[in-house]
Amino acid sequence: LDEILGFVENIAQRKECKVILIYDEDSLGENAKDVLTKYREKVID
């Protein structure tokens, strides 16, 4: 997930893309939930 969020951040800022992420947060693994908690403020508007 951290690779995906890094990729999203890159195309959103450098390529001016609008990105829509779709997911079931309750079904994320524990590691993925930790990554999302860590990076959501940086990546997700």
All heavy atoms as atom14 arrays in JSON, in Angstrom:
{
  "sequence": "LDEILGFVENIAQRKECKVILIYDEDSLGENAKDVLTKYREKVID",
  "atom14_mask": [
    [1, 1, 1, 1, 1, 1, 1, 1, 0, 0, 0, 0, 0, 0],
    [1, 1, 1, 1, 1, 1, 1, 1, 0, 0, 0, 0, 0, 0],
    [1, 1, 1, 1, 1, 1, 1, 1, 1, 0, 0, 0, 0, 0],
    [1, 1, 1, 1, 1, 1, 1, 1, 0, 0, 0, 0, 0, 0],
    [1, 1, 1, 1, 1, 1, 1, 1, 0, 0, 0, 0, 0, 0],
    [1, 1, 1, 1, 0, 0, 0, 0, 0, 0, 0, 0, 0, 0],
    [1, 1, 1, 1, 1, 1, 1, 1, 1, 1, 1, 0, 0, 0],
    [1, 1, 1, 1, 1, 1, 1, 0, 0, 0, 0, 0, 0, 0],
    [1, 1, 1, 1, 1, 1, 1, 1, 1, 0, 0, 0, 0, 0],
    [1, 1, 1, 1, 1, 1, 1, 1, 0, 0, 0, 0, 0, 0],
    [1, 1, 1, 1, 1, 1, 1, 1, 0, 0, 0, 0, 0, 0],
    [1, 1, 1, 1, 1, 0, 0, 0, 0, 0, 0, 0, 0, 0],
    [1, 1, 1, 1, 1, 1, 1, 1, 1, 0, 0, 0, 0, 0],
    [1, 1, 1, 1, 1, 1, 1, 1, 1, 1, 1, 0, 0, 0],
    [1, 1, 1, 1, 1, 1, 1, 1, 1, 0, 0, 0, 0, 0],
    [1, 1, 1, 1, 1, 1, 1, 1, 1, 0, 0, 0, 0, 0],
    [1, 1, 1, 1, 1, 1, 0, 0, 0, 0, 0, 0, 0, 0],
    [1, 1, 1, 1, 1, 1, 1, 1, 1, 0, 0, 0, 0, 0],
    [1, 1, 1, 1, 1, 1, 1, 0, 0, 0, 0, 0, 0, 0],
    [1, 1, 1, 1, 1, 1, 1, 1, 0, 0, 0, 0, 0, 0],
    [1, 1, 1, 1, 1, 1, 1, 1, 0, 0, 0, 0, 0, 0],
    [1, 1, 1, 1, 1, 1, 1, 1, 0, 0, 0, 0, 0, 0],
    [1, 1, 1, 1, 1, 1, 1, 1, 1, 1, 1, 1, 0, 0],
    [1, 1, 1, 1, 1, 1, 1, 1, 0, 0, 0, 0, 0, 0],
    [1, 1, 1, 1, 1, 1, 1, 1, 1, 0, 0, 0, 0, 0],
    [1, 1, 1, 1, 1, 1, 1, 1, 0, 0, 0, 0, 0, 0],
    [1, 1, 1, 1, 1, 1, 0, 0, 0, 0, 0, 0, 0, 0],
    [1, 1, 1, 1, 1, 1, 1, 1, 0, 0, 0, 0, 0, 0],
    [1, 1, 1, 1, 0, 0, 0, 0, 0, 0, 0, 0, 0, 0],
    [1, 1, 1, 1, 1, 1, 1, 1, 1, 0, 0, 0, 0, 0],
    [1, 1, 1, 1, 1, 1, 1, 1, 0, 0, 0, 0, 0, 0],
    [1, 1, 1, 1, 1, 0, 0, 0, 0, 0, 0, 0, 0, 0],
    [1, 1, 1, 1, 1, 1, 1, 1, 1, 0, 0, 0, 0, 0],
    [1, 1, 1, 1, 1, 1, 1, 1, 0, 0, 0, 0, 0, 0],
    [1, 1, 1, 1, 1, 1, 1, 0, 0, 0, 0, 0, 0, 0],
    [1, 1, 1, 1, 1, 1, 1, 1, 0, 0, 0, 0, 0, 0],
    [1, 1, 1, 1, 1, 1, 1, 0, 0, 0, 0, 0, 0, 0],
    [1, 1, 1, 1, 1, 1, 1, 1, 1, 0, 0, 0, 0, 0],
    [1, 1, 1, 1, 1, 1, 1, 1, 1, 1, 1, 1, 0, 0],
    [1, 1, 1, 1, 1, 1, 1, 1, 1, 1, 1, 0, 0, 0],
    [1, 1, 1, 1, 1, 1, 1, 1, 1, 0, 0, 0, 0, 0],
    [1, 1, 1, 1, 1, 1, 1, 1, 1, 0, 0, 0, 0, 0],
    [1, 1, 1, 1, 1, 1, 1, 0, 0, 0, 0, 0, 0, 0],
    [1, 1, 1, 1, 1, 1, 1, 1, 0, 0, 0, 0, 0, 0],
    [1, 1, 1, 1, 1, 1, 1, 1, 0, 0, 0, 0, 0, 0]
  ],
  "atom14_positions": [
    [[0.81, -1.2, 0.0], [0.0, 0.0, 0.0], [0.85, 1.27, 0.0], [0.48, 2.26, -0.63], [-0.95, 0.0, 1.21], [-1.95, 1.15, 1.28], [-2.83, 1.2, 0.04], [-2.8, 1.05, 2.53], [0.0, 0.0, 0.0], [0.0, 0.0, 0.0], [0.0, 0.0, 0.0], [0.0, 0.0, 0.0], [0.0, 0.0, 0.0], [0.0, 0.0, 0.0]],
    [[1.99, 1.23, 0.67], [2.83, 2.44, 0.68], [3.37, 2.75, -0.71], [3.54, 3.91, -1.08], [3.96, 2.33, 1.71], [4.82, 1.1, 1.51], [4.51, 0.29, 0.61], [5.8, 0.94, 2.26], [0.0, 0.0, 0.0], [0.0, 0.0, 0.0], [0.0, 0.0, 0.0], [0.0, 0.0, 0.0], [0.0, 0.0, 0.0], [0.0, 0.0, 0.0]],
    [[3.63, 1.71, -1.53], [4.05, 1.94, -2.9], [2.92, 2.58, -3.71], [3.15, 3.49, -4.51], [4.46, 0.62, -3.56], [5.7, -0.03, -2.97], [6.06, -1.31, -3.7], [6.48, -1.21, -4.88], [5.9, -2.39, -3.12], [0.0, 0.0, 0.0], [0.0, 0.0, 0.0], [0.0, 0.0, 0.0], [0.0, 0.0, 0.0], [0.0, 0.0, 0.0]],
    [[1.72, 2.08, -3.5], [0.57, 2.64, -4.23], [0.35, 4.09, -3.84], [0.16, 4.96, -4.71], [-0.7, 1.81, -3.92], [-0.54, 0.36, -4.39], [-1.92, 2.44, -4.59], [-1.66, -0.56, -3.98], [0.0, 0.0, 0.0], [0.0, 0.0, 0.0], [0.0, 0.0, 0.0], [0.0, 0.0, 0.0], [0.0, 0.0, 0.0], [0.0, 0.0, 0.0]],
    [[0.41, 4.39, -2.54], [0.19, 5.77, -2.09], [1.3, 6.69, -2.59], [1.05, 7.85, -2.93], [0.09, 5.81, -0.58], [-1.13, 5.1, 0.04], [-1.09, 5.19, 1.57], [-2.43, 5.66, -0.49], [0.0, 0.0, 0.0], [0.0, 0.0, 0.0], [0.0, 0.0, 0.0], [0.0, 0.0, 0.0], [0.0, 0.0, 0.0], [0.0, 0.0, 0.0]],
    [[2.52, 6.19, -2.64], [3.62, 6.98, -3.2], [3.39, 7.27, -4.67], [3.63, 8.4, -5.15], [0.0, 0.0, 0.0], [0.0, 0.0, 0.0], [0.0, 0.0, 0.0], [0.0, 0.0, 0.0], [0.0, 0.0, 0.0], [0.0, 0.0, 0.0], [0.0, 0.0, 0.0], [0.0, 0.0, 0.0], [0.0, 0.0, 0.0], [0.0, 0.0, 0.0]],
    [[2.94, 6.27, -5.4], [2.61, 6.44, -6.82], [1.49, 7.47, -7.0], [1.56, 8.34, -7.87], [2.22, 5.09, -7.39], [1.56, 5.14, -8.74], [2.3, 5.42, -9.87], [0.2, 4.92, -8.87], [1.71, 5.47, -11.13], [-0.41, 4.96, -10.11], [0.35, 5.24, -11.24], [0.0, 0.0, 0.0], [0.0, 0.0, 0.0], [0.0, 0.0, 0.0]],
    [[0.45, 7.36, -6.16], [-0.68, 8.29, -6.23], [-0.21, 9.72, -5.95], [-0.58, 10.68, -6.64], [-1.78, 7.87, -5.24], [-2.84, 8.96, -5.1], [-2.42, 6.56, -5.69], [0.0, 0.0, 0.0], [0.0, 0.0, 0.0], [0.0, 0.0, 0.0], [0.0, 0.0, 0.0], [0.0, 0.0, 0.0], [0.0, 0.0, 0.0], [0.0, 0.0, 0.0]],
    [[0.59, 9.89, -4.92], [1.1, 11.22, -4.57], [1.89, 11.8, -5.74], [1.77, 13.01, -6.06], [1.98, 11.11, -3.33], [2.77, 12.37, -2.98], [1.89, 13.47, -2.43], [0.67, 13.24, -2.25], [2.42, 14.57, -2.17], [0.0, 0.0, 0.0], [0.0, 0.0, 0.0], [0.0, 0.0, 0.0], [0.0, 0.0, 0.0], [0.0, 0.0, 0.0]],
    [[2.67, 10.97, -6.41], [3.5, 11.44, -7.52], [2.65, 11.93, -8.69], [2.86, 13.03, -9.22], [4.42, 10.31, -7.98], [5.31, 10.74, -9.13], [6.13, 11.66, -9.01], [5.15, 10.07, -10.26], [0.0, 0.0, 0.0], [0.0, 0.0, 0.0], [0.0, 0.0, 0.0], [0.0, 0.0, 0.0], [0.0, 0.0, 0.0], [0.0, 0.0, 0.0]],
    [[1.68, 11.12, -9.13], [0.9, 11.53, -10.31], [-0.07, 12.66, -9.97], [-0.45, 13.44, -10.84], [0.12, 10.33, -10.92], [-0.88, 9.74, -9.92], [1.1, 9.27, -11.41], [-1.75, 8.65, -10.52], [0.0, 0.0, 0.0], [0.0, 0.0, 0.0], [0.0, 0.0, 0.0], [0.0, 0.0, 0.0], [0.0, 0.0, 0.0], [0.0, 0.0, 0.0]],
    [[-0.47, 12.73, -8.69], [-1.38, 13.82, -8.29], [-0.65, 15.16, -8.3], [-1.19, 16.17, -8.76], [-1.97, 13.53, -6.92], [0.0, 0.0, 0.0], [0.0, 0.0, 0.0], [0.0, 0.0, 0.0], [0.0, 0.0, 0.0], [0.0, 0.0, 0.0], [0.0, 0.0, 0.0], [0.0, 0.0, 0.0], [0.0, 0.0, 0.0], [0.0, 0.0, 0.0]],
    [[0.58, 15.18, -7.8], [1.31, 16.44, -7.68], [2.09, 16.78, -8.95], [2.06, 17.92, -9.41], [2.26, 16.36, -6.48], [1.55, 16.13, -5.15], [0.47, 17.17, -4.87], [0.64, 18.35, -5.16], [-0.64, 16.71, -4.3], [0.0, 0.0, 0.0], [0.0, 0.0, 0.0], [0.0, 0.0, 0.0], [0.0, 0.0, 0.0], [0.0, 0.0, 0.0]],
    [[2.76, 15.81, -9.53], [3.64, 16.11, -10.66], [2.91, 16.08, -12.0], [3.31, 16.77, -12.94], [4.81, 15.12, -10.69], [5.7, 15.24, -9.46], [6.95, 14.41, -9.62], [7.83, 14.54, -8.45], [9.04, 14.01, -8.35], [9.53, 13.31, -9.37], [9.75, 14.17, -7.26], [0.0, 0.0, 0.0], [0.0, 0.0, 0.0], [0.0, 0.0, 0.0]],
    [[1.88, 15.26, -12.1], [1.15, 15.16, -13.36], [-0.25, 15.79, -13.28], [-1.02, 15.68, -14.22], [1.03, 13.68, -13.79], [2.36, 13.05, -14.12], [3.07, 13.8, -15.23], [4.48, 13.33, -15.46], [5.17, 14.15, -16.48], [0.0, 0.0, 0.0], [0.0, 0.0, 0.0], [0.0, 0.0, 0.0], [0.0, 0.0, 0.0], [0.0, 0.0, 0.0]],
    [[-0.53, 16.41, -12.16], [-1.78, 17.13, -11.94], [-3.01, 16.25, -12.2], [-4.02, 16.7, -12.73], [-1.84, 18.38, -12.82], [-0.7, 19.36, -12.55], [-0.81, 20.6, -13.41], [-1.88, 21.24, -13.38], [0.17, 20.92, -14.12], [0.0, 0.0, 0.0], [0.0, 0.0, 0.0], [0.0, 0.0, 0.0], [0.0, 0.0, 0.0], [0.0, 0.0, 0.0]],
    [[-2.89, 15.0, -11.86], [-4.01, 14.07, -12.02], [-4.98, 14.2, -10.83], [-4.57, 14.56, -9.73], [-3.51, 12.63, -12.09], [-2.55, 12.27, -13.55], [0.0, 0.0, 0.0], [0.0, 0.0, 0.0], [0.0, 0.0, 0.0], [0.0, 0.0, 0.0], [0.0, 0.0, 0.0], [0.0, 0.0, 0.0], [0.0, 0.0, 0.0], [0.0, 0.0, 0.0]],
    [[-6.22, 13.87, -11.1], [-7.19, 13.71, -10.03], [-7.39, 12.21, -9.84], [-7.79, 11.51, -10.77], [-8.51, 14.4, -10.38], [-8.47, 15.92, -10.23], [-9.84, 16.52, -10.44], [-9.83, 18.01, -10.13], [-9.68, 18.29, -8.68], [0.0, 0.0, 0.0], [0.0, 0.0, 0.0], [0.0, 0.0, 0.0], [0.0, 0.0, 0.0], [0.0, 0.0, 0.0]],
    [[-7.09, 11.74, -8.64], [-7.11, 10.3, -8.38], [-8.24, 9.96, -7.4], [-8.38, 10.62, -6.36], [-5.76, 9.82, -7.8], [-5.78, 8.31, -7.59], [-4.61, 10.23, -8.7], [0.0, 0.0, 0.0], [0.0, 0.0, 0.0], [0.0, 0.0, 0.0], [0.0, 0.0, 0.0], [0.0, 0.0, 0.0], [0.0, 0.0, 0.0], [0.0, 0.0, 0.0]],
    [[-9.03, 8.96, -7.77], [-10.1, 8.47, -6.89], [-9.7, 7.08, -6.4], [-9.57, 6.14, -7.2], [-11.44, 8.41, -7.63], [-11.82, 9.79, -8.19], [-12.54, 7.89, -6.71], [-13.05, 9.78, -9.06], [0.0, 0.0, 0.0], [0.0, 0.0, 0.0], [0.0, 0.0, 0.0], [0.0, 0.0, 0.0], [0.0, 0.0, 0.0], [0.0, 0.0, 0.0]],
    [[-9.46, 6.96, -5.12], [-9.12, 5.67, -4.5], [-10.39, 5.02, -3.97], [-11.22, 5.68, -3.34], [-8.13, 5.88, -3.36], [-6.78, 6.52, -3.71], [-5.96, 6.74, -2.45], [-6.02, 5.65, -4.7], [0.0, 0.0, 0.0], [0.0, 0.0, 0.0], [0.0, 0.0, 0.0], [0.0, 0.0, 0.0], [0.0, 0.0, 0.0], [0.0, 0.0, 0.0]],
    [[-10.54, 3.74, -4.22], [-11.74, 3.0, -3.82], [-11.32, 1.77, -3.04], [-10.53, 0.96, -3.53], [-12.57, 2.59, -5.05], [-12.89, 3.81, -5.93], [-13.86, 1.9, -4.63], [-13.47, 3.46, -7.28], [0.0, 0.0, 0.0], [0.0, 0.0, 0.0], [0.0, 0.0, 0.0], [0.0, 0.0, 0.0], [0.0, 0.0, 0.0], [0.0, 0.0, 0.0]],
    [[-11.84, 1.64, -1.83], [-11.42, 0.49, -1.01], [-12.37, 0.27, 0.17], [-13.17, 1.15, 0.52], [-10.0, 0.69, -0.49], [-9.79, 1.96, 0.33], [-9.94, 1.97, 1.71], [-9.46, 3.16, -0.3], [-9.75, 3.13, 2.44], [-9.25, 4.32, 0.43], [-9.41, 4.3, 1.8], [-9.23, 5.45, 2.53], [0.0, 0.0, 0.0], [0.0, 0.0, 0.0]],
    [[-12.25, -0.91, 0.76], [-12.97, -1.26, 1.99], [-11.95, -1.21, 3.13], [-11.14, -2.12, 3.28], [-13.59, -2.65, 1.87], [-14.31, -3.09, 3.14], [-14.38, -2.29, 4.1], [-14.82, -4.23, 3.17], [0.0, 0.0, 0.0], [0.0, 0.0, 0.0], [0.0, 0.0, 0.0], [0.0, 0.0, 0.0], [0.0, 0.0, 0.0], [0.0, 0.0, 0.0]],
    [[-11.99, -0.16, 3.9], [-10.97, 0.04, 4.94], [-11.0, -1.07, 5.98], [-9.96, -1.47, 6.5], [-11.16, 1.4, 5.6], [-10.04, 1.75, 6.59], [-10.06, 3.2, 7.02], [-10.91, 3.95, 6.52], [-9.22, 3.56, 7.85], [0.0, 0.0, 0.0], [0.0, 0.0, 0.0], [0.0, 0.0, 0.0], [0.0, 0.0, 0.0], [0.0, 0.0, 0.0]],
    [[-12.19, -1.58, 6.29], [-12.29, -2.63, 7.31], [-11.59, -3.91, 6.87], [-11.22, -4.73, 7.72], [-13.76, -2.93, 7.6], [-14.45, -1.78, 8.31], [-13.74, -0.95, 8.91], [-15.7, -1.71, 8.25], [0.0, 0.0, 0.0], [0.0, 0.0, 0.0], [0.0, 0.0, 0.0], [0.0, 0.0, 0.0], [0.0, 0.0, 0.0], [0.0, 0.0, 0.0]],
    [[-11.43, -4.11, 5.56], [-10.81, -5.33, 5.05], [-9.31, -5.2, 4.83], [-8.67, -6.16, 4.39], [-11.49, -5.74, 3.73], [-12.86, -6.0, 3.93], [0.0, 0.0, 0.0], [0.0, 0.0, 0.0], [0.0, 0.0, 0.0], [0.0, 0.0, 0.0], [0.0, 0.0, 0.0], [0.0, 0.0, 0.0], [0.0, 0.0, 0.0], [0.0, 0.0, 0.0]],
    [[-8.76, -4.03, 5.08], [-7.3, -3.86, 4.96], [-6.59, -4.68, 6.03], [-7.08, -4.81, 7.16], [-6.93, -2.39, 5.11], [-7.31, -1.43, 3.98], [-7.05, 0.01, 4.42], [-6.52, -1.75, 2.71], [0.0, 0.0, 0.0], [0.0, 0.0, 0.0], [0.0, 0.0, 0.0], [0.0, 0.0, 0.0], [0.0, 0.0, 0.0], [0.0, 0.0, 0.0]],
    [[-5.43, -5.21, 5.68], [-4.61, -5.9, 6.68], [-4.07, -4.91, 7.7], [-4.1, -3.69, 7.5], [0.0, 0.0, 0.0], [0.0, 0.0, 0.0], [0.0, 0.0, 0.0], [0.0, 0.0, 0.0], [0.0, 0.0, 0.0], [0.0, 0.0, 0.0], [0.0, 0.0, 0.0], [0.0, 0.0, 0.0], [0.0, 0.0, 0.0], [0.0, 0.0, 0.0]],
    [[-3.56, -5.43, 8.8], [-3.07, -4.56, 9.87], [-1.94, -3.66, 9.38], [-1.9, -2.46, 9.7], [-2.62, -5.41, 11.07], [-3.76, -6.07, 11.82], [-4.78, -5.05, 12.32], [-4.37, -3.98, 12.82], [-5.98, -5.32, 12.19], [0.0, 0.0, 0.0], [0.0, 0.0, 0.0], [0.0, 0.0, 0.0], [0.0, 0.0, 0.0], [0.0, 0.0, 0.0]],
    [[-1.01, -4.22, 8.61], [0.1, -3.41, 8.1], [-0.41, -2.31, 7.19], [0.05, -1.16, 7.24], [1.11, -4.29, 7.36], [1.87, -5.21, 8.31], [1.97, -4.94, 9.51], [2.4, -6.3, 7.78], [0.0, 0.0, 0.0], [0.0, 0.0, 0.0], [0.0, 0.0, 0.0], [0.0, 0.0, 0.0], [0.0, 0.0, 0.0], [0.0, 0.0, 0.0]],
    [[-1.36, -2.67, 6.32], [-1.92, -1.68, 5.4], [-2.66, -0.58, 6.15], [-2.6, 0.6, 5.78], [-2.85, -2.37, 4.4], [0.0, 0.0, 0.0], [0.0, 0.0, 0.0], [0.0, 0.0, 0.0], [0.0, 0.0, 0.0], [0.0, 0.0, 0.0], [0.0, 0.0, 0.0], [0.0, 0.0, 0.0], [0.0, 0.0, 0.0], [0.0, 0.0, 0.0]],
    [[-3.35, -0.95, 7.23], [-4.06, 0.06, 8.04], [-3.06, 1.03, 8.67], [-3.31, 2.24, 8.74], [-4.9, -0.62, 9.12], [-6.16, -1.28, 8.59], [-6.97, -1.9, 9.73], [-8.25, -2.54, 9.2], [-9.06, -3.17, 10.27], [0.0, 0.0, 0.0], [0.0, 0.0, 0.0], [0.0, 0.0, 0.0], [0.0, 0.0, 0.0], [0.0, 0.0, 0.0]],
    [[-1.94, 0.49, 9.12], [-0.9, 1.35, 9.71], [-0.35, 2.31, 8.67], [-0.12, 3.5, 8.95], [0.23, 0.49, 10.3], [-0.22, -0.31, 11.51], [-1.25, 0.08, 12.13], [0.45, -1.31, 11.84], [0.0, 0.0, 0.0], [0.0, 0.0, 0.0], [0.0, 0.0, 0.0], [0.0, 0.0, 0.0], [0.0, 0.0, 0.0], [0.0, 0.0, 0.0]],
    [[-0.13, 1.79, 7.44], [0.39, 2.64, 6.36], [-0.61, 3.74, 6.02], [-0.24, 4.9, 5.85], [0.7, 1.78, 5.11], [0.98, 2.67, 3.89], [1.88, 0.86, 5.37], [0.0, 0.0, 0.0], [0.0, 0.0, 0.0], [0.0, 0.0, 0.0], [0.0, 0.0, 0.0], [0.0, 0.0, 0.0], [0.0, 0.0, 0.0], [0.0, 0.0, 0.0]],
    [[-1.89, 3.36, 5.95], [-2.93, 4.34, 5.62], [-3.0, 5.42, 6.7], [-3.12, 6.61, 6.4], [-4.28, 3.64, 5.45], [-5.45, 4.52, 5.01], [-5.16, 5.17, 3.67], [-6.73, 3.71, 4.96], [0.0, 0.0, 0.0], [0.0, 0.0, 0.0], [0.0, 0.0, 0.0], [0.0, 0.0, 0.0], [0.0, 0.0, 0.0], [0.0, 0.0, 0.0]],
    [[-2.93, 5.0, 7.94], [-2.96, 5.97, 9.04], [-1.78, 6.93, 8.96], [-1.92, 8.13, 9.21], [-2.94, 5.22, 10.4], [-4.06, 4.36, 10.48], [-2.96, 6.21, 11.56], [0.0, 0.0, 0.0], [0.0, 0.0, 0.0], [0.0, 0.0, 0.0], [0.0, 0.0, 0.0], [0.0, 0.0, 0.0], [0.0, 0.0, 0.0], [0.0, 0.0, 0.0]],
    [[-0.64, 6.39, 8.58], [0.58, 7.19, 8.53], [0.55, 8.2, 7.37], [0.99, 9.35, 7.53], [1.78, 6.26, 8.41], [3.12, 6.98, 8.39], [4.27, 5.97, 8.33], [5.62, 6.67, 8.31], [6.74, 5.68, 8.26], [0.0, 0.0, 0.0], [0.0, 0.0, 0.0], [0.0, 0.0, 0.0], [0.0, 0.0, 0.0], [0.0, 0.0, 0.0]],
    [[0.03, 7.78, 6.22], [0.18, 8.61, 5.02], [-1.12, 9.27, 4.53], [-1.06, 10.06, 3.59], [0.77, 7.77, 3.87], [2.18, 7.34, 4.11], [2.49, 6.01, 4.33], [3.23, 8.26, 4.11], [3.79, 5.59, 4.55], [4.53, 7.87, 4.32], [4.82, 6.52, 4.54], [6.12, 6.13, 4.76], [0.0, 0.0, 0.0], [0.0, 0.0, 0.0]],
    [[-2.26, 8.95, 5.14], [-3.51, 9.45, 4.57], [-3.55, 10.98, 4.56], [-4.06, 11.58, 3.61], [-4.71, 8.87, 5.32], [-4.98, 9.45, 6.67], [-5.95, 8.61, 7.49], [-7.07, 8.1, 6.74], [-7.8, 7.03, 7.11], [-7.49, 6.39, 8.24], [-8.81, 6.63, 6.38], [0.0, 0.0, 0.0], [0.0, 0.0, 0.0], [0.0, 0.0, 0.0]],
    [[-3.03, 11.62, 5.6], [-3.08, 13.08, 5.64], [-2.2, 13.69, 4.55], [-2.52, 14.74, 3.99], [-2.66, 13.6, 7.01], [-2.8, 15.11, 7.14], [-2.52, 15.61, 8.54], [-2.18, 14.79, 9.41], [-2.63, 16.83, 8.74], [0.0, 0.0, 0.0], [0.0, 0.0, 0.0], [0.0, 0.0, 0.0], [0.0, 0.0, 0.0], [0.0, 0.0, 0.0]],
    [[-1.1, 13.03, 4.25], [-0.19, 13.54, 3.24], [-0.74, 13.33, 1.83], [-0.6, 14.19, 0.95], [1.18, 12.85, 3.37], [2.18, 13.22, 2.26], [3.51, 12.55, 2.49], [4.47, 12.81, 1.33], [4.69, 14.23, 1.08], [0.0, 0.0, 0.0], [0.0, 0.0, 0.0], [0.0, 0.0, 0.0], [0.0, 0.0, 0.0], [0.0, 0.0, 0.0]],
    [[-1.4, 12.19, 1.61], [-1.79, 11.81, 0.26], [-3.24, 12.18, -0.06], [-3.55, 12.68, -1.15], [-1.59, 10.29, 0.05], [-2.05, 9.88, -1.35], [-0.12, 9.93, 0.27], [0.0, 0.0, 0.0], [0.0, 0.0, 0.0], [0.0, 0.0, 0.0], [0.0, 0.0, 0.0], [0.0, 0.0, 0.0], [0.0, 0.0, 0.0], [0.0, 0.0, 0.0]],
    [[-4.15, 11.92, 0.89], [-5.6, 12.04, 0.61], [-6.1, 13.42, 1.0], [-5.91, 13.88, 2.13], [-6.38, 10.94, 1.36], [-5.91, 9.55, 0.9], [-7.87, 11.09, 1.14], [-6.47, 8.41, 1.71], [0.0, 0.0, 0.0], [0.0, 0.0, 0.0], [0.0, 0.0, 0.0], [0.0, 0.0, 0.0], [0.0, 0.0, 0.0], [0.0, 0.0, 0.0]],
    [[-6.78, 14.07, 0.06], [-7.36, 15.38, 0.32], [-8.73, 15.28, 0.97], [-9.09, 16.1, 1.82], [-7.5, 16.18, -0.99], [-6.16, 16.48, -1.61], [-5.27, 16.92, -0.88], [-6.0, 16.27, -2.83], [0.0, 0.0, 0.0], [0.0, 0.0, 0.0], [0.0, 0.0, 0.0], [0.0, 0.0, 0.0], [0.0, 0.0, 0.0], [0.0, 0.0, 0.0]]
  ]
}
